[in-house]
Amino acid sequence: MTELELIEGCRRGDNFSRRKLYELYSRKMMGICFRYTGDKFLSQDLLHDGFIKVFESISSFRYNNDGLFKGWITRIFVNLSIDYLRKNAQWKDSVSLETWNENADSIEEDDFEPIPDEVLIRFISELPSGYRTIFNLYVFEEIPHKEIAKIMGINESSSRSQLSRAKAILSEKIKKYTLKHG
């Protein structure tokens, strides 16, 4: 079944098409929700809510070619995750400047063996939610700081500094991991 056939089936309310679409995208969308929330159970709730939103609004999606749908559905889950964090004020959580080690050494890419993806995802999920959200928007969604500031309702400089702190925290976690695991 092609992507267009799945979309058309979902528009008609065909449960087989809905199930196939869910099977095709649920793992990636769960990963997106988890990247933003850092919480498995909350991510499952958002996954459920996101697919309801997808099925309710799929009639408004205009199919032009392959790849556009993936971007459209991804945007729904990113926005849903950010909206949840904003409504619950969780993105305001951040590590105070006193607890951030400003002297954290940066490490070079050649200094360590590749770290398993699941470990990196865990490290990202352990970031304070504000740092995690900005890190995800900037690194994975490739949204510039000016737009992140609008989305988050913060200053552009706050977006930059939170990204910098997130990177420093991740760098320190990676450094400790590599020292421990060779």
C-alpha atoms as a PDB file:
ATOM      1  CA  MET A   1       0.000   0.000   0.000  1.00  0.00           C
ATOM      2  CA  THR A   2       1.439   3.403  -0.941  1.00  0.00           C
ATOM      3  CA  GLU A   3       1.527   6.398   1.350  1.00  0.00           C
ATOM      4  CA  LEU A   4      -1.156   8.103  -0.747  1.00  0.00           C
ATOM      5  CA  GLU A   5      -3.406   5.026  -0.525  1.00  0.00           C
ATOM      6  CA  LEU A   6      -2.962   5.000   3.259  1.00  0.00           C
ATOM      7  CA  ILE A   7      -3.848   8.682   3.476  1.00  0.00           C
ATOM      8  CA  GLU A   8      -6.916   8.232   1.281  1.00  0.00           C
ATOM      9  CA  GLY A   9      -7.988   5.227   3.345  1.00  0.00           C
ATOM     10  CA  CYS A  10      -7.639   7.235   6.557  1.00  0.00           C
ATOM     11  CA  ARG A  11      -9.700  10.041   5.031  1.00  0.00           C
ATOM     12  CA  ARG A  12     -12.468   7.503   4.381  1.00  0.00           C
ATOM     13  CA  GLY A  13     -12.226   6.288   7.988  1.00  0.00           C
ATOM     14  CA  ASP A  14     -10.856   2.873   6.991  1.00  0.00           C
ATOM     15  CA  ASN A  15      -9.510   1.242  10.164  1.00  0.00           C
ATOM     16  CA  PHE A  16      -7.089  -1.000   8.242  1.00  0.00           C
ATOM     17  CA  SER A  17      -5.446   2.102   6.730  1.00  0.00           C
ATOM     18  CA  ARG A  18      -5.364   3.816  10.119  1.00  0.00           C
ATOM     19  CA  ARG A  19      -3.682   0.805  11.692  1.00  0.00           C
ATOM     20  CA  LYS A  20      -1.111   0.614   8.889  1.00  0.00           C
ATOM     21  CA  LEU A  21      -0.383   4.342   9.165  1.00  0.00           C
ATOM     22  CA  TYR A  22       0.014   3.956  12.922  1.00  0.00           C
ATOM     23  CA  GLU A  23       2.375   1.007  12.452  1.00  0.00           C
ATOM     24  CA  LEU A  24       4.383   2.969   9.902  1.00  0.00           C
ATOM     25  CA  TYR A  25       4.876   6.105  12.012  1.00  0.00           C
ATOM     26  CA  SER A  26       4.249   5.258  15.677  1.00  0.00           C
ATOM     27  CA  ARG A  27       7.817   4.382  16.591  1.00  0.00           C
ATOM     28  CA  LYS A  28       9.272   7.585  15.144  1.00  0.00           C
ATOM     29  CA  MET A  29       6.507   9.719  16.664  1.00  0.00           C
ATOM     30  CA  MET A  30       6.999   8.036  20.050  1.00  0.00           C
ATOM     31  CA  GLY A  31      10.674   8.939  19.785  1.00  0.00           C
ATOM     32  CA  ILE A  32       9.784  12.570  19.099  1.00  0.00           C
ATOM     33  CA  CYS A  33       7.433  12.714  22.097  1.00  0.00           C
ATOM     34  CA  PHE A  34      10.062  11.101  24.316  1.00  0.00           C
ATOM     35  CA  ARG A  35      12.788  13.470  23.126  1.00  0.00           C
ATOM     36  CA  TYR A  36      10.684  16.407  24.288  1.00  0.00           C
ATOM     37  CA  THR A  37       9.183  15.023  27.482  1.00  0.00           C
ATOM     38  CA  GLY A  38      11.817  12.577  28.699  1.00  0.00           C
ATOM     39  CA  ASP A  39       8.977  10.504  30.161  1.00  0.00           C
ATOM     40  CA  LYS A  40       7.899   7.173  28.656  1.00  0.00           C
ATOM     41  CA  PHE A  41       4.347   7.176  30.016  1.00  0.00           C
ATOM     42  CA  LEU A  42       3.694  10.791  29.091  1.00  0.00           C
ATOM     43  CA  SER A  43       5.110  10.077  25.637  1.00  0.00           C
ATOM     44  CA  GLN A  44       2.638   7.216  25.217  1.00  0.00           C
ATOM     45  CA  ASP A  45      -0.228   9.553  26.130  1.00  0.00           C
ATOM     46  CA  LEU A  46       1.009  12.161  23.661  1.00  0.00           C
ATOM     47  CA  LEU A  47       1.409   9.473  21.004  1.00  0.00           C
ATOM     48  CA  HIS A  48      -2.223   8.503  21.452  1.00  0.00           C
ATOM     49  CA  ASP A  49      -3.395  12.134  21.404  1.00  0.00           C
ATOM     50  CA  GLY A  50      -1.230  12.874  18.388  1.00  0.00           C
ATOM     51  CA  PHE A  51      -2.688  10.093  16.288  1.00  0.00           C
ATOM     52  CA  ILE A  52      -6.195  11.197  17.192  1.00  0.00           C
ATOM     53  CA  LYS A  53      -5.233  14.657  15.950  1.00  0.00           C
ATOM     54  CA  VAL A  54      -3.688  13.175  12.786  1.00  0.00           C
ATOM     55  CA  PHE A  55      -6.830  11.179  11.985  1.00  0.00           C
ATOM     56  CA  GLU A  56      -9.102  14.136  12.742  1.00  0.00           C
ATOM     57  CA  SER A  57      -7.144  16.546  10.563  1.00  0.00           C
ATOM     58  CA  ILE A  58      -5.888  14.279   7.775  1.00  0.00           C
ATOM     59  CA  SER A  59      -8.595  15.570   5.458  1.00  0.00           C
ATOM     60  CA  SER A  60      -6.854  18.968   5.485  1.00  0.00           C
ATOM     61  CA  PHE A  61      -3.522  17.492   4.364  1.00  0.00           C
ATOM     62  CA  ARG A  62      -2.777  18.089   0.682  1.00  0.00           C
ATOM     63  CA  TYR A  63      -0.634  15.335  -0.803  1.00  0.00           C
ATOM     64  CA  ASN A  64       1.847  16.599  -3.400  1.00  0.00           C
ATOM     65  CA  ASN A  65       4.585  13.993  -3.196  1.00  0.00           C
ATOM     66  CA  ASP A  66       6.251  11.467  -0.932  1.00  0.00           C
ATOM     67  CA  GLY A  67       7.992  12.971   2.046  1.00  0.00           C
ATOM     68  CA  LEU A  68       5.579  15.823   2.673  1.00  0.00           C
ATOM     69  CA  PHE A  69       3.321  13.683   4.824  1.00  0.00           C
ATOM     70  CA  LYS A  70       6.198  12.644   7.068  1.00  0.00           C
ATOM     71  CA  GLY A  71       7.001  16.310   7.677  1.00  0.00           C
ATOM     72  CA  TRP A  72       3.336  17.116   8.303  1.00  0.00           C
ATOM     73  CA  ILE A  73       2.823  14.326  10.837  1.00  0.00           C
ATOM     74  CA  THR A  74       6.163  15.106  12.521  1.00  0.00           C
ATOM     75  CA  ARG A  75       5.125  18.751  12.926  1.00  0.00           C
ATOM     76  CA  ILE A  76       1.881  17.635  14.628  1.00  0.00           C
ATOM     77  CA  PHE A  77       3.796  15.600  17.212  1.00  0.00           C
ATOM     78  CA  VAL A  78       6.442  18.281  17.807  1.00  0.00           C
ATOM     79  CA  ASN A  79       3.753  20.923  18.305  1.00  0.00           C
ATOM     80  CA  LEU A  80       1.720  18.628  20.544  1.00  0.00           C
ATOM     81  CA  SER A  81       4.768  17.944  22.725  1.00  0.00           C
ATOM     82  CA  ILE A  82       5.703  21.623  22.951  1.00  0.00           C
ATOM     83  CA  ASP A  83       2.103  22.601  23.706  1.00  0.00           C
ATOM     84  CA  TYR A  84       2.014  20.073  26.528  1.00  0.00           C
ATOM     85  CA  LEU A  85       5.249  21.393  28.004  1.00  0.00           C
ATOM     86  CA  ARG A  86       4.094  24.999  27.645  1.00  0.00           C
ATOM     87  CA  LYS A  87       0.685  24.335  29.249  1.00  0.00           C
ATOM     88  CA  ASN A  88       2.311  22.556  32.144  1.00  0.00           C
ATOM     89  CA  ALA A  89       5.134  25.109  32.417  1.00  0.00           C
ATOM     90  CA  GLN A  90       7.648  22.268  32.332  1.00  0.00           C
ATOM     91  CA  TRP A  91       9.872  23.969  29.782  1.00  0.00           C
ATOM     92  CA  LYS A  92      10.663  26.586  32.409  1.00  0.00           C
ATOM     93  CA  ASP A  93      12.561  23.974  34.399  1.00  0.00           C
ATOM     94  CA  SER A  94      16.205  24.635  33.981  1.00  0.00           C
ATOM     95  CA  VAL A  95      19.371  24.130  35.899  1.00  0.00           C
ATOM     96  CA  SER A  96      20.477  27.250  37.710  1.00  0.00           C
ATOM     97  CA  LEU A  97      23.697  28.857  36.673  1.00  0.00           C
ATOM     98  CA  GLU A  98      25.212  27.823  39.986  1.00  0.00           C
ATOM     99  CA  THR A  99      24.731  24.127  39.229  1.00  0.00           C
ATOM    100  CA  TRP A 100      26.029  24.356  35.691  1.00  0.00           C
ATOM    101  CA  ASN A 101      29.707  23.671  35.444  1.00  0.00           C
ATOM    102  CA  GLU A 102      30.869  26.530  33.274  1.00  0.00           C
ATOM    103  CA  ASN A 103      34.317  24.970  33.094  1.00  0.00           C
ATOM    104  CA  ALA A 104      33.065  21.711  31.582  1.00  0.00           C
ATOM    105  CA  ASP A 105      35.674  20.530  29.144  1.00  0.00           C
ATOM    106  CA  SER A 106      34.471  20.034  25.636  1.00  0.00           C
ATOM    107  CA  ILE A 107      35.506  16.807  24.017  1.00  0.00           C
ATOM    108  CA  GLU A 108      36.551  16.231  20.474  1.00  0.00           C
ATOM    109  CA  GLU A 109      34.644  13.797  18.285  1.00  0.00           C
ATOM    110  CA  ASP A 110      37.771  11.697  17.782  1.00  0.00           C
ATOM    111  CA  ASP A 111      38.205  11.233  21.546  1.00  0.00           C
ATOM    112  CA  PHE A 112      35.622   8.473  21.902  1.00  0.00           C
ATOM    113  CA  GLU A 113      34.000   5.483  20.301  1.00  0.00           C
ATOM    114  CA  PRO A 114      30.470   5.987  19.034  1.00  0.00           C
ATOM    115  CA  ILE A 115      27.949   5.923  21.847  1.00  0.00           C
ATOM    116  CA  PRO A 116      24.851   3.771  21.303  1.00  0.00           C
ATOM    117  CA  ASP A 117      21.804   5.750  20.165  1.00  0.00           C
ATOM    118  CA  GLU A 118      19.740   4.592  23.137  1.00  0.00           C
ATOM    119  CA  VAL A 119      22.353   6.020  25.510  1.00  0.00           C
ATOM    120  CA  LEU A 120      22.363   9.378  23.725  1.00  0.00           C
ATOM    121  CA  ILE A 121      18.559   9.449  23.767  1.00  0.00           C
ATOM    122  CA  ARG A 122      18.624   8.713  27.499  1.00  0.00           C
ATOM    123  CA  PHE A 123      21.121  11.539  28.057  1.00  0.00           C
ATOM    124  CA  ILE A 124      18.890  13.950  26.137  1.00  0.00           C
ATOM    125  CA  SER A 125      15.823  12.790  28.068  1.00  0.00           C
ATOM    126  CA  GLU A 126      17.643  13.502  31.350  1.00  0.00           C
ATOM    127  CA  LEU A 127      18.189  17.163  30.480  1.00  0.00           C
ATOM    128  CA  PRO A 128      15.989  19.656  32.326  1.00  0.00           C
ATOM    129  CA  SER A 129      12.859  20.090  30.196  1.00  0.00           C
ATOM    130  CA  GLY A 130      13.668  23.657  29.091  1.00  0.00           C
ATOM    131  CA  TYR A 131      17.116  22.672  27.903  1.00  0.00           C
ATOM    132  CA  ARG A 132      15.760  19.467  26.344  1.00  0.00           C
ATOM    133  CA  THR A 133      13.045  21.328  24.446  1.00  0.00           C
ATOM    134  CA  ILE A 134      15.397  23.942  23.042  1.00  0.00           C
ATOM    135  CA  PHE A 135      18.011  21.307  22.219  1.00  0.00           C
ATOM    136  CA  ASN A 136      15.406  19.268  20.308  1.00  0.00           C
ATOM    137  CA  LEU A 137      14.022  22.265  18.436  1.00  0.00           C
ATOM    138  CA  TYR A 138      17.454  23.494  17.420  1.00  0.00           C
ATOM    139  CA  VAL A 139      19.260  20.229  16.728  1.00  0.00           C
ATOM    140  CA  PHE A 140      16.545  17.876  15.478  1.00  0.00           C
ATOM    141  CA  GLU A 141      13.943  20.257  14.056  1.00  0.00           C
ATOM    142  CA  GLU A 142      16.590  22.739  12.824  1.00  0.00           C
ATOM    143  CA  ILE A 143      14.595  25.739  14.014  1.00  0.00           C
ATOM    144  CA  PRO A 144      16.618  28.955  14.428  1.00  0.00           C
ATOM    145  CA  HIS A 145      16.908  30.644  17.834  1.00  0.00           C
ATOM    146  CA  LYS A 146      14.711  33.562  16.777  1.00  0.00           C
ATOM    147  CA  GLU A 147      11.812  31.211  16.032  1.00  0.00           C
ATOM    148  CA  ILE A 148      12.495  29.104  19.147  1.00  0.00           C
ATOM    149  CA  ALA A 149      12.277  32.278  21.229  1.00  0.00           C
ATOM    150  CA  LYS A 150       8.829  33.014  19.762  1.00  0.00           C
ATOM    151  CA  ILE A 151       7.639  29.436  20.285  1.00  0.00           C
ATOM    152  CA  MET A 152       8.868  29.310  23.869  1.00  0.00           C
ATOM    153  CA  GLY A 153       8.034  32.899  24.808  1.00  0.00           C
ATOM    154  CA  ILE A 154      11.625  33.689  25.820  1.00  0.00           C
ATOM    155  CA  ASN A 155      14.416  35.955  24.622  1.00  0.00           C
ATOM    156  CA  GLU A 156      16.587  34.804  21.750  1.00  0.00           C
ATOM    157  CA  SER A 157      19.633  35.061  24.013  1.00  0.00           C
ATOM    158  CA  SER A 158      17.926  32.734  26.528  1.00  0.00           C
ATOM    159  CA  SER A 159      17.446  30.193  23.763  1.00  0.00           C
ATOM    160  CA  ARG A 160      21.124  30.404  22.873  1.00  0.00           C
ATOM    161  CA  SER A 161      22.314  30.124  26.464  1.00  0.00           C
ATOM    162  CA  GLN A 162      20.003  27.190  27.249  1.00  0.00           C
ATOM    163  CA  LEU A 163      21.249  25.381  24.139  1.00  0.00           C
ATOM    164  CA  SER A 164      24.817  26.048  25.232  1.00  0.00           C
ATOM    165  CA  ARG A 165      24.099  24.689  28.708  1.00  0.00           C
ATOM    166  CA  ALA A 166      22.338  21.638  27.264  1.00  0.00           C
ATOM    167  CA  LYS A 167      25.369  20.915  25.102  1.00  0.00           C
ATOM    168  CA  ALA A 168      27.685  21.331  28.090  1.00  0.00           C
ATOM    169  CA  ILE A 169      25.626  18.924  30.175  1.00  0.00           C
ATOM    170  CA  LEU A 170      25.525  16.397  27.336  1.00  0.00           C
ATOM    171  CA  SER A 171      29.237  16.803  26.780  1.00  0.00           C
ATOM    172  CA  GLU A 172      29.918  16.059  30.445  1.00  0.00           C
ATOM    173  CA  LYS A 173      27.626  12.988  30.377  1.00  0.00           C
ATOM    174  CA  ILE A 174      29.325  11.720  27.230  1.00  0.00           C
ATOM    175  CA  LYS A 175      32.738  12.287  28.774  1.00  0.00           C
ATOM    176  CA  LYS A 176      31.797  10.310  31.891  1.00  0.00           C
ATOM    177  CA  TYR A 177      30.273   7.539  29.788  1.00  0.00           C
ATOM    178  CA  THR A 178      33.373   7.208  27.622  1.00  0.00           C
ATOM    179  CA  LEU A 179      35.654   7.127  30.646  1.00  0.00           C
ATOM    180  CA  LYS A 180      33.553   4.399  32.200  1.00  0.00           C
ATOM    181  CA  HIS A 181      33.002   2.325  29.038  1.00  0.00           C
ATOM    182  CA  GLY A 182      36.308   2.889  27.316  1.00  0.00           C
END
